[in-house]
């Protein structure tokens, strides 16, 4: 009944088929087929606000499944390609504020240093409107499509920059980020998506996203924060952070780099 559904907080990469076909508990991993019996998706979740099925389900598109299973067969794991940008949906309000003449697309809020996007010439403030000649509907679909492609894949991306069309060719690189949900390691920063990264030669934990209204937001974490240490102990990756938090400290003092500013945040 709909395509490109995202924002459901089911997976890190969301670009679901929404269906009103009958899907029940325990059907996850099963086939979603069309009237011709062709596989079009893999069932993933149902909408059940009160524990009961209300007739809406979500499935991973078969083209995404095909790309990922091919990598699993070849490498034994998924090696997600990365271009190295942070962004958001191009809403009418954002388009008006930024004076962008486009209805749909992905707004680039930040380009990671030394990333594939930076090498290709993508800049913060660009709007991605096409990928390989196909119109782009949302940042979520762009992110999901990129992450399902193997390292080394070349793609042509159409941008709008200062109202003018720009085309760049990007070669996907190996993602150096092992993204985790913070609630898996410490409830005091629940709602933040964390990953390993390196900035200006310094290793640390990058905050990819902070969910509105979450504990992490109340603590003061923001998207784009760079965690360098915890309780006076240096942190170079998510593994280091997990080891410190496994000791169950009563108080958590995060050493944060935010832009050119160094600051401390307190979590309990």
C-alpha atoms as a PDB file:
ATOM      1  CA  UNK A   1       0.000   0.000   0.000  1.00  0.00           C
ATOM      2  CA  UNK A   2       3.087   2.246   0.150  1.00  0.00           C
ATOM      3  CA  UNK A   3       6.783   2.280  -0.746  1.00  0.00           C
ATOM      4  CA  UNK A   4       9.842   3.847   0.848  1.00  0.00           C
ATOM      5  CA  UNK A   5       8.486   3.813   4.392  1.00  0.00           C
ATOM      6  CA  UNK A   6      10.987   4.931   7.035  1.00  0.00           C
ATOM      7  CA  UNK A   7      11.145   6.546  10.469  1.00  0.00           C
ATOM      8  CA  UNK A   8       9.709   3.447  12.138  1.00  0.00           C
ATOM      9  CA  UNK A   9      12.700   2.848  14.464  1.00  0.00           C
ATOM     10  CA  UNK A  10      12.775  -0.820  13.439  1.00  0.00           C
ATOM     11  CA  UNK A  11      16.199  -0.920  11.774  1.00  0.00           C
ATOM     12  CA  UNK A  12      19.149   1.421  11.246  1.00  0.00           C
ATOM     13  CA  UNK A  13      18.496   1.431   7.489  1.00  0.00           C
ATOM     14  CA  UNK A  14      14.820   1.721   6.611  1.00  0.00           C
ATOM     15  CA  UNK A  15      13.207   1.690   3.170  1.00  0.00           C
ATOM     16  CA  UNK A  16      10.254  -0.620   3.693  1.00  0.00           C
ATOM     17  CA  UNK A  17       7.378  -1.804   1.563  1.00  0.00           C
ATOM     18  CA  UNK A  18       4.158  -1.206   3.497  1.00  0.00           C
ATOM     19  CA  UNK A  19       1.512  -3.853   2.896  1.00  0.00           C
ATOM     20  CA  UNK A  20      -1.994  -4.612   4.092  1.00  0.00           C
ATOM     21  CA  UNK A  21      -1.569  -8.327   3.332  1.00  0.00           C
ATOM     22  CA  UNK A  22      -2.195 -10.510   6.381  1.00  0.00           C
ATOM     23  CA  UNK A  23       1.067 -10.840   8.336  1.00  0.00           C
ATOM     24  CA  UNK A  24       1.057 -12.390  11.792  1.00  0.00           C
ATOM     25  CA  UNK A  25       3.534 -12.715  14.637  1.00  0.00           C
ATOM     26  CA  UNK A  26       6.297 -15.147  13.712  1.00  0.00           C
ATOM     27  CA  UNK A  27       6.129 -14.328  10.010  1.00  0.00           C
ATOM     28  CA  UNK A  28       9.322 -12.234  10.047  1.00  0.00           C
ATOM     29  CA  UNK A  29      11.761 -13.606   7.487  1.00  0.00           C
ATOM     30  CA  UNK A  30       8.947 -14.993   5.358  1.00  0.00           C
ATOM     31  CA  UNK A  31       8.213 -14.103   1.759  1.00  0.00           C
ATOM     32  CA  UNK A  32       6.014 -11.262   0.546  1.00  0.00           C
ATOM     33  CA  UNK A  33       4.850 -12.133  -2.973  1.00  0.00           C
ATOM     34  CA  UNK A  34       2.760 -10.383  -5.604  1.00  0.00           C
ATOM     35  CA  UNK A  35      -0.255 -11.811  -7.457  1.00  0.00           C
ATOM     36  CA  UNK A  36       2.101 -13.543  -9.900  1.00  0.00           C
ATOM     37  CA  UNK A  37       3.846 -15.396  -7.090  1.00  0.00           C
ATOM     38  CA  UNK A  38       7.022 -13.343  -7.500  1.00  0.00           C
ATOM     39  CA  UNK A  39       9.094 -12.470  -4.446  1.00  0.00           C
ATOM     40  CA  UNK A  40       8.960  -8.715  -3.826  1.00  0.00           C
ATOM     41  CA  UNK A  41      10.052  -8.490  -0.192  1.00  0.00           C
ATOM     42  CA  UNK A  42      10.958 -10.176   3.088  1.00  0.00           C
ATOM     43  CA  UNK A  43       8.486  -9.639   5.930  1.00  0.00           C
ATOM     44  CA  UNK A  44      10.044  -7.742   8.824  1.00  0.00           C
ATOM     45  CA  UNK A  45       7.447  -6.216  11.155  1.00  0.00           C
ATOM     46  CA  UNK A  46       3.774  -5.514  11.784  1.00  0.00           C
ATOM     47  CA  UNK A  47       2.112  -2.456  13.252  1.00  0.00           C
ATOM     48  CA  UNK A  48       0.664  -3.614  16.566  1.00  0.00           C
ATOM     49  CA  UNK A  49       0.143  -0.660  18.926  1.00  0.00           C
ATOM     50  CA  UNK A  50      -1.730  -2.692  21.558  1.00  0.00           C
ATOM     51  CA  UNK A  51      -0.208  -6.072  20.884  1.00  0.00           C
ATOM     52  CA  UNK A  52      -2.739  -6.852  18.155  1.00  0.00           C
ATOM     53  CA  UNK A  53      -2.337  -6.813  14.389  1.00  0.00           C
ATOM     54  CA  UNK A  54      -4.235  -3.937  12.745  1.00  0.00           C
ATOM     55  CA  UNK A  55      -3.512  -5.157   9.222  1.00  0.00           C
ATOM     56  CA  UNK A  56      -0.381  -3.162   8.358  1.00  0.00           C
ATOM     57  CA  UNK A  57       2.967  -4.850   7.804  1.00  0.00           C
ATOM     58  CA  UNK A  58       6.417  -3.908   6.545  1.00  0.00           C
ATOM     59  CA  UNK A  59       8.855  -5.799   4.339  1.00  0.00           C
ATOM     60  CA  UNK A  60      12.411  -5.278   3.110  1.00  0.00           C
ATOM     61  CA  UNK A  61      12.364  -4.813  -0.708  1.00  0.00           C
ATOM     62  CA  UNK A  62      13.676  -7.795  -2.685  1.00  0.00           C
ATOM     63  CA  UNK A  63      16.251  -5.707  -4.575  1.00  0.00           C
ATOM     64  CA  UNK A  64      17.863  -4.723  -1.268  1.00  0.00           C
ATOM     65  CA  UNK A  65      17.761  -8.339  -0.065  1.00  0.00           C
ATOM     66  CA  UNK A  66      19.412  -9.462  -3.314  1.00  0.00           C
ATOM     67  CA  UNK A  67      22.297  -7.017  -2.901  1.00  0.00           C
ATOM     68  CA  UNK A  68      22.877  -7.996   0.727  1.00  0.00           C
ATOM     69  CA  UNK A  69      22.639 -11.783   0.248  1.00  0.00           C
ATOM     70  CA  UNK A  70      25.097 -11.580  -2.647  1.00  0.00           C
ATOM     71  CA  UNK A  71      27.632 -10.021  -0.280  1.00  0.00           C
ATOM     72  CA  UNK A  72      26.950 -12.602   2.435  1.00  0.00           C
ATOM     73  CA  UNK A  73      27.558 -15.442  -0.042  1.00  0.00           C
ATOM     74  CA  UNK A  74      30.754 -13.834  -1.372  1.00  0.00           C
ATOM     75  CA  UNK A  75      32.282 -12.428   1.815  1.00  0.00           C
ATOM     76  CA  UNK A  76      30.441 -14.147   4.659  1.00  0.00           C
ATOM     77  CA  UNK A  77      29.241 -10.741   5.869  1.00  0.00           C
ATOM     78  CA  UNK A  78      27.723  -7.491   4.636  1.00  0.00           C
ATOM     79  CA  UNK A  79      30.383  -4.938   3.689  1.00  0.00           C
ATOM     80  CA  UNK A  80      28.317  -1.789   3.512  1.00  0.00           C
ATOM     81  CA  UNK A  81      29.457   0.917   1.170  1.00  0.00           C
ATOM     82  CA  UNK A  82      29.677   4.436   2.551  1.00  0.00           C
ATOM     83  CA  UNK A  83      29.848   7.913   1.054  1.00  0.00           C
ATOM     84  CA  UNK A  84      30.292   9.792   4.326  1.00  0.00           C
ATOM     85  CA  UNK A  85      27.497  12.326   4.713  1.00  0.00           C
ATOM     86  CA  UNK A  86      24.939  13.295   7.334  1.00  0.00           C
ATOM     87  CA  UNK A  87      21.610  14.612   6.161  1.00  0.00           C
ATOM     88  CA  UNK A  88      17.868  14.793   6.472  1.00  0.00           C
ATOM     89  CA  UNK A  89      14.668  14.841   4.443  1.00  0.00           C
ATOM     90  CA  UNK A  90      14.010  17.883   2.285  1.00  0.00           C
ATOM     91  CA  UNK A  91      10.779  19.154   3.837  1.00  0.00           C
ATOM     92  CA  UNK A  92       8.777  22.083   2.415  1.00  0.00           C
ATOM     93  CA  UNK A  93       9.817  24.139   5.453  1.00  0.00           C
ATOM     94  CA  UNK A  94      13.505  23.379   4.908  1.00  0.00           C
ATOM     95  CA  UNK A  95      13.247  24.069   1.179  1.00  0.00           C
ATOM     96  CA  UNK A  96      11.641  27.445   1.884  1.00  0.00           C
ATOM     97  CA  UNK A  97      14.179  28.394   4.547  1.00  0.00           C
ATOM     98  CA  UNK A  98      17.133  27.449   2.325  1.00  0.00           C
ATOM     99  CA  UNK A  99      15.490  28.857  -0.841  1.00  0.00           C
ATOM    100  CA  UNK A 100      15.716  25.498  -2.593  1.00  0.00           C
ATOM    101  CA  UNK A 101      13.611  24.962  -5.708  1.00  0.00           C
ATOM    102  CA  UNK A 102      12.892  21.259  -5.215  1.00  0.00           C
ATOM    103  CA  UNK A 103      10.017  19.219  -3.822  1.00  0.00           C
ATOM    104  CA  UNK A 104      11.843  16.037  -2.844  1.00  0.00           C
ATOM    105  CA  UNK A 105      15.376  14.968  -2.121  1.00  0.00           C
ATOM    106  CA  UNK A 106      18.021  14.581   0.567  1.00  0.00           C
ATOM    107  CA  UNK A 107      19.515  17.647   2.230  1.00  0.00           C
ATOM    108  CA  UNK A 108      23.232  17.262   3.026  1.00  0.00           C
ATOM    109  CA  UNK A 109      23.915  18.790   6.438  1.00  0.00           C
ATOM    110  CA  UNK A 110      27.509  17.611   6.822  1.00  0.00           C
ATOM    111  CA  UNK A 111      30.232  15.961   4.725  1.00  0.00           C
ATOM    112  CA  UNK A 112      32.709  13.826   6.643  1.00  0.00           C
ATOM    113  CA  UNK A 113      36.410  14.674   6.184  1.00  0.00           C
ATOM    114  CA  UNK A 114      38.311  12.454   3.709  1.00  0.00           C
ATOM    115  CA  UNK A 115      35.099  10.631   2.795  1.00  0.00           C
ATOM    116  CA  UNK A 116      34.038   9.444  -0.647  1.00  0.00           C
ATOM    117  CA  UNK A 117      31.561  12.330  -0.806  1.00  0.00           C
ATOM    118  CA  UNK A 118      34.227  14.935  -0.023  1.00  0.00           C
ATOM    119  CA  UNK A 119      36.557  13.444  -2.633  1.00  0.00           C
ATOM    120  CA  UNK A 120      33.762  13.647  -5.215  1.00  0.00           C
ATOM    121  CA  UNK A 121      33.049  17.293  -4.388  1.00  0.00           C
ATOM    122  CA  UNK A 122      29.806  17.024  -2.401  1.00  0.00           C
ATOM    123  CA  UNK A 123      29.329  19.979  -0.039  1.00  0.00           C
ATOM    124  CA  UNK A 124      27.183  20.709   3.010  1.00  0.00           C
ATOM    125  CA  UNK A 125      24.028  22.475   1.839  1.00  0.00           C
ATOM    126  CA  UNK A 126      23.751  20.414  -1.338  1.00  0.00           C
ATOM    127  CA  UNK A 127      20.469  18.676  -2.097  1.00  0.00           C
ATOM    128  CA  UNK A 128      20.677  15.197  -3.623  1.00  0.00           C
ATOM    129  CA  UNK A 129      17.859  14.877  -6.154  1.00  0.00           C
ATOM    130  CA  UNK A 130      18.848  11.879  -8.296  1.00  0.00           C
ATOM    131  CA  UNK A 131      20.900   8.703  -7.987  1.00  0.00           C
ATOM    132  CA  UNK A 132      21.986   6.922 -11.164  1.00  0.00           C
ATOM    133  CA  UNK A 133      19.429   8.927 -13.104  1.00  0.00           C
ATOM    134  CA  UNK A 134      16.469   8.026 -10.874  1.00  0.00           C
ATOM    135  CA  UNK A 135      14.615  10.673  -8.892  1.00  0.00           C
ATOM    136  CA  UNK A 136      15.240  10.519  -5.160  1.00  0.00           C
ATOM    137  CA  UNK A 137      12.240  10.572  -2.834  1.00  0.00           C
ATOM    138  CA  UNK A 138      13.902  10.844   0.564  1.00  0.00           C
ATOM    139  CA  UNK A 139      17.152  10.801   2.506  1.00  0.00           C
ATOM    140  CA  UNK A 140      16.097   7.530   4.154  1.00  0.00           C
ATOM    141  CA  UNK A 141      15.746   5.751   0.801  1.00  0.00           C
ATOM    142  CA  UNK A 142      19.075   7.178  -0.393  1.00  0.00           C
ATOM    143  CA  UNK A 143      20.812   6.023   2.804  1.00  0.00           C
ATOM    144  CA  UNK A 144      19.267   2.555   2.563  1.00  0.00           C
ATOM    145  CA  UNK A 145      20.178   2.169  -1.125  1.00  0.00           C
ATOM    146  CA  UNK A 146      23.775   3.238  -0.544  1.00  0.00           C
ATOM    147  CA  UNK A 147      24.220   0.966   2.470  1.00  0.00           C
ATOM    148  CA  UNK A 148      23.003  -2.087   0.532  1.00  0.00           C
ATOM    149  CA  UNK A 149      25.601  -1.617  -2.225  1.00  0.00           C
ATOM    150  CA  UNK A 150      29.061  -3.219  -1.982  1.00  0.00           C
ATOM    151  CA  UNK A 151      32.290  -1.310  -1.575  1.00  0.00           C
ATOM    152  CA  UNK A 152      33.649  -0.080  -4.911  1.00  0.00           C
ATOM    153  CA  UNK A 153      30.231   0.538  -6.466  1.00  0.00           C
ATOM    154  CA  UNK A 154      30.240   3.652  -8.632  1.00  0.00           C
ATOM    155  CA  UNK A 155      27.180   5.870  -8.658  1.00  0.00           C
ATOM    156  CA  UNK A 156      26.246   9.097 -10.367  1.00  0.00           C
ATOM    157  CA  UNK A 157      24.554  11.568  -8.056  1.00  0.00           C
ATOM    158  CA  UNK A 158      22.594  14.623  -9.170  1.00  0.00           C
ATOM    159  CA  UNK A 159      22.732  17.633  -6.855  1.00  0.00           C
ATOM    160  CA  UNK A 160      21.240  21.072  -6.529  1.00  0.00           C
ATOM    161  CA  UNK A 161      23.778  23.650  -5.353  1.00  0.00           C
ATOM    162  CA  UNK A 162      22.748  27.289  -5.071  1.00  0.00           C
ATOM    163  CA  UNK A 163      19.853  26.512  -7.394  1.00  0.00           C
ATOM    164  CA  UNK A 164      22.067  25.046 -10.116  1.00  0.00           C
ATOM    165  CA  UNK A 165      22.294  21.362 -11.108  1.00  0.00           C
ATOM    166  CA  UNK A 166      25.590  19.616 -10.395  1.00  0.00           C
ATOM    167  CA  UNK A 167      26.510  16.009 -11.198  1.00  0.00           C
ATOM    168  CA  UNK A 168      29.208  14.071  -9.346  1.00  0.00           C
ATOM    169  CA  UNK A 169      30.499  10.506  -9.580  1.00  0.00           C
ATOM    170  CA  UNK A 170      31.032   8.775  -6.242  1.00  0.00           C
ATOM    171  CA  UNK A 171      32.810   5.475  -5.578  1.00  0.00           C
ATOM    172  CA  UNK A 172      31.575   3.827  -2.390  1.00  0.00           C
ATOM    173  CA  UNK A 173      34.245   3.162   0.206  1.00  0.00           C
ATOM    174  CA  UNK A 174      34.412   0.670   3.043  1.00  0.00           C
ATOM    175  CA  UNK A 175      32.445   1.994   5.963  1.00  0.00           C
ATOM    176  CA  UNK A 176      34.725   2.439   8.973  1.00  0.00           C
ATOM    177  CA  UNK A 177      31.704   2.919  11.200  1.00  0.00           C
ATOM    178  CA  UNK A 178      30.294   0.089  13.302  1.00  0.00           C
ATOM    179  CA  UNK A 179      27.036   1.699  14.266  1.00  0.00           C
ATOM    180  CA  UNK A 180      25.360   0.635  17.499  1.00  0.00           C
ATOM    181  CA  UNK A 181      22.300   1.712  19.409  1.00  0.00           C
ATOM    182  CA  UNK A 182      23.394   3.339  22.679  1.00  0.00           C
ATOM    183  CA  UNK A 183      20.625   1.636  24.643  1.00  0.00           C
ATOM    184  CA  UNK A 184      22.542  -1.617  24.128  1.00  0.00           C
ATOM    185  CA  UNK A 185      25.458  -0.347  26.219  1.00  0.00           C
ATOM    186  CA  UNK A 186      24.146   2.277  28.662  1.00  0.00           C
ATOM    187  CA  UNK A 187      20.598   3.459  29.334  1.00  0.00           C
ATOM    188  CA  UNK A 188      21.890   6.877  30.427  1.00  0.00           C
ATOM    189  CA  UNK A 189      22.549   7.777  26.780  1.00  0.00           C
ATOM    190  CA  UNK A 190      19.668   5.841  25.248  1.00  0.00           C
ATOM    191  CA  UNK A 191      18.445   7.374  22.002  1.00  0.00           C
ATOM    192  CA  UNK A 192      21.856   8.061  20.458  1.00  0.00           C
ATOM    193  CA  UNK A 193      23.258   6.145  17.479  1.00  0.00           C
ATOM    194  CA  UNK A 194      27.010   5.747  17.931  1.00  0.00           C
ATOM    195  CA  UNK A 195      29.786   4.657  15.592  1.00  0.00           C
ATOM    196  CA  UNK A 196      33.552   4.444  15.298  1.00  0.00           C
ATOM    197  CA  UNK A 197      35.242   7.177  13.316  1.00  0.00           C
ATOM    198  CA  UNK A 198      38.424   9.225  13.025  1.00  0.00           C
ATOM    199  CA  UNK A 199      38.481  13.012  12.890  1.00  0.00           C
ATOM    200  CA  UNK A 200      41.633  15.014  12.191  1.00  0.00           C
ATOM    201  CA  UNK A 201      43.758  11.982  13.038  1.00  0.00           C
ATOM    202  CA  UNK A 202      42.010  11.387  16.355  1.00  0.00           C
ATOM    203  CA  UNK A 203      39.932   8.259  16.946  1.00  0.00           C
ATOM    204  CA  UNK A 204      36.716   8.379  18.921  1.00  0.00           C
ATOM    205  CA  UNK A 205      32.990   7.648  18.961  1.00  0.00           C
ATOM    206  CA  UNK A 206      30.777   9.679  16.643  1.00  0.00           C
ATOM    207  CA  UNK A 207      27.166  10.496  17.495  1.00  0.00           C
ATOM    208  CA  UNK A 208      25.327   9.812  14.223  1.00  0.00           C
ATOM    209  CA  UNK A 209      21.879  10.704  15.457  1.00  0.00           C
ATOM    210  CA  UNK A 210      20.015  11.666  18.635  1.00  0.00           C
ATOM    211  CA  UNK A 211      16.331  10.819  18.869  1.00  0.00           C
ATOM    212  CA  UNK A 212      14.074  13.688  19.884  1.00  0.00           C
ATOM    213  CA  UNK A 213      12.852  13.423  23.475  1.00  0.00           C
ATOM    214  CA  UNK A 214      15.338  10.671  24.340  1.00  0.00           C
ATOM    215  CA  UNK A 215      17.549  10.346  27.401  1.00  0.00           C
ATOM    216  CA  UNK A 216      20.557  11.195  25.238  1.00  0.00           C
ATOM    217  CA  UNK A 217      18.939  14.470  24.178  1.00  0.00           C
ATOM    218  CA  UNK A 218      18.124  15.371  27.780  1.00  0.00           C
ATOM    219  CA  UNK A 219      21.741  14.708  28.761  1.00  0.00           C
ATOM    220  CA  UNK A 220      22.783  17.190  26.084  1.00  0.00           C
ATOM    221  CA  UNK A 221      24.193  14.968  23.342  1.00  0.00           C
ATOM    222  CA  UNK A 222      23.772  16.318  19.817  1.00  0.00           C
ATOM    223  CA  UNK A 223      24.146  14.815  16.364  1.00  0.00           C
ATOM    224  CA  UNK A 224      27.729  15.363  15.248  1.00  0.00           C
ATOM    225  CA  UNK A 225      29.238  15.224  18.742  1.00  0.00           C
ATOM    226  CA  UNK A 226      32.589  13.409  18.969  1.00  0.00           C
ATOM    227  CA  UNK A 227      33.126  11.426  22.194  1.00  0.00           C
ATOM    228  CA  UNK A 228      36.812  11.378  23.153  1.00  0.00           C
ATOM    229  CA  UNK A 229      36.691  10.056  26.698  1.00  0.00           C
ATOM    230  CA  UNK A 230      34.566   8.873  29.593  1.00  0.00           C
ATOM    231  CA  UNK A 231      35.333   9.431  33.282  1.00  0.00           C
ATOM    232  CA  UNK A 232      38.882  10.582  32.491  1.00  0.00           C
ATOM    233  CA  UNK A 233      39.547   7.482  30.367  1.00  0.00           C
ATOM    234  CA  UNK A 234      40.266   7.863  26.631  1.00  0.00           C
ATOM    235  CA  UNK A 235      37.801   6.291  24.198  1.00  0.00           C
ATOM    236  CA  UNK A 236      38.886   5.401  20.655  1.00  0.00           C
ATOM    237  CA  UNK A 237      35.921   3.263  19.598  1.00  0.00           C
ATOM    238  CA  UNK A 238      32.568   1.861  20.656  1.00  0.00           C
ATOM    239  CA  UNK A 239      34.334  -1.165  22.155  1.00  0.00           C
ATOM    240  CA  UNK A 240      36.301   1.071  24.533  1.00  0.00           C
ATOM    241  CA  UNK A 241      33.095   2.848  25.508  1.00  0.00           C
ATOM    242  CA  UNK A 242      31.326  -0.445  26.151  1.00  0.00           C
ATOM    243  CA  UNK A 243      34.159  -1.727  28.384  1.00  0.00           C
ATOM    244  CA  UNK A 244      33.992   1.379  30.566  1.00  0.00           C
ATOM    245  CA  UNK A 245      30.218   1.239  30.811  1.00  0.00           C
ATOM    246  CA  UNK A 246      30.268  -2.479  31.637  1.00  0.00           C
ATOM    247  CA  UNK A 247      31.737  -1.460  35.011  1.00  0.00           C
ATOM    248  CA  UNK A 248      28.356   0.205  35.675  1.00  0.00           C
ATOM    249  CA  UNK A 249      29.594   3.596  36.902  1.00  0.00           C
ATOM    250  CA  UNK A 250      27.099   5.588  38.971  1.00  0.00           C
ATOM    251  CA  UNK A 251      28.019   8.781  37.127  1.00  0.00           C
ATOM    252  CA  UNK A 252      29.112   9.142  33.517  1.00  0.00           C
ATOM    253  CA  UNK A 253      31.156  12.188  32.497  1.00  0.00           C
ATOM    254  CA  UNK A 254      31.529  12.404  28.714  1.00  0.00           C
ATOM    255  CA  UNK A 255      34.397  14.382  27.197  1.00  0.00           C
ATOM    256  CA  UNK A 256      32.890  15.793  23.998  1.00  0.00           C
ATOM    257  CA  UNK A 257      34.304  17.630  21.018  1.00  0.00           C
ATOM    258  CA  UNK A 258      31.614  19.724  19.346  1.00  0.00           C
ATOM    259  CA  UNK A 259      32.973  21.622  16.380  1.00  0.00           C
ATOM    260  CA  UNK A 260      35.948  23.559  17.736  1.00  0.00           C
ATOM    261  CA  UNK A 261      34.682  23.376  21.317  1.00  0.00           C
ATOM    262  CA  UNK A 262      35.596  20.860  24.027  1.00  0.00           C
ATOM    263  CA  UNK A 263      33.006  20.244  26.742  1.00  0.00           C
ATOM    264  CA  UNK A 264      31.826  17.757  29.362  1.00  0.00           C
ATOM    265  CA  UNK A 265      28.353  16.221  29.718  1.00  0.00           C
ATOM    266  CA  UNK A 266      27.028  14.471  32.819  1.00  0.00           C
ATOM    267  CA  UNK A 267      24.848  11.344  32.569  1.00  0.00           C
ATOM    268  CA  UNK A 268      23.513   9.194  35.391  1.00  0.00           C
END
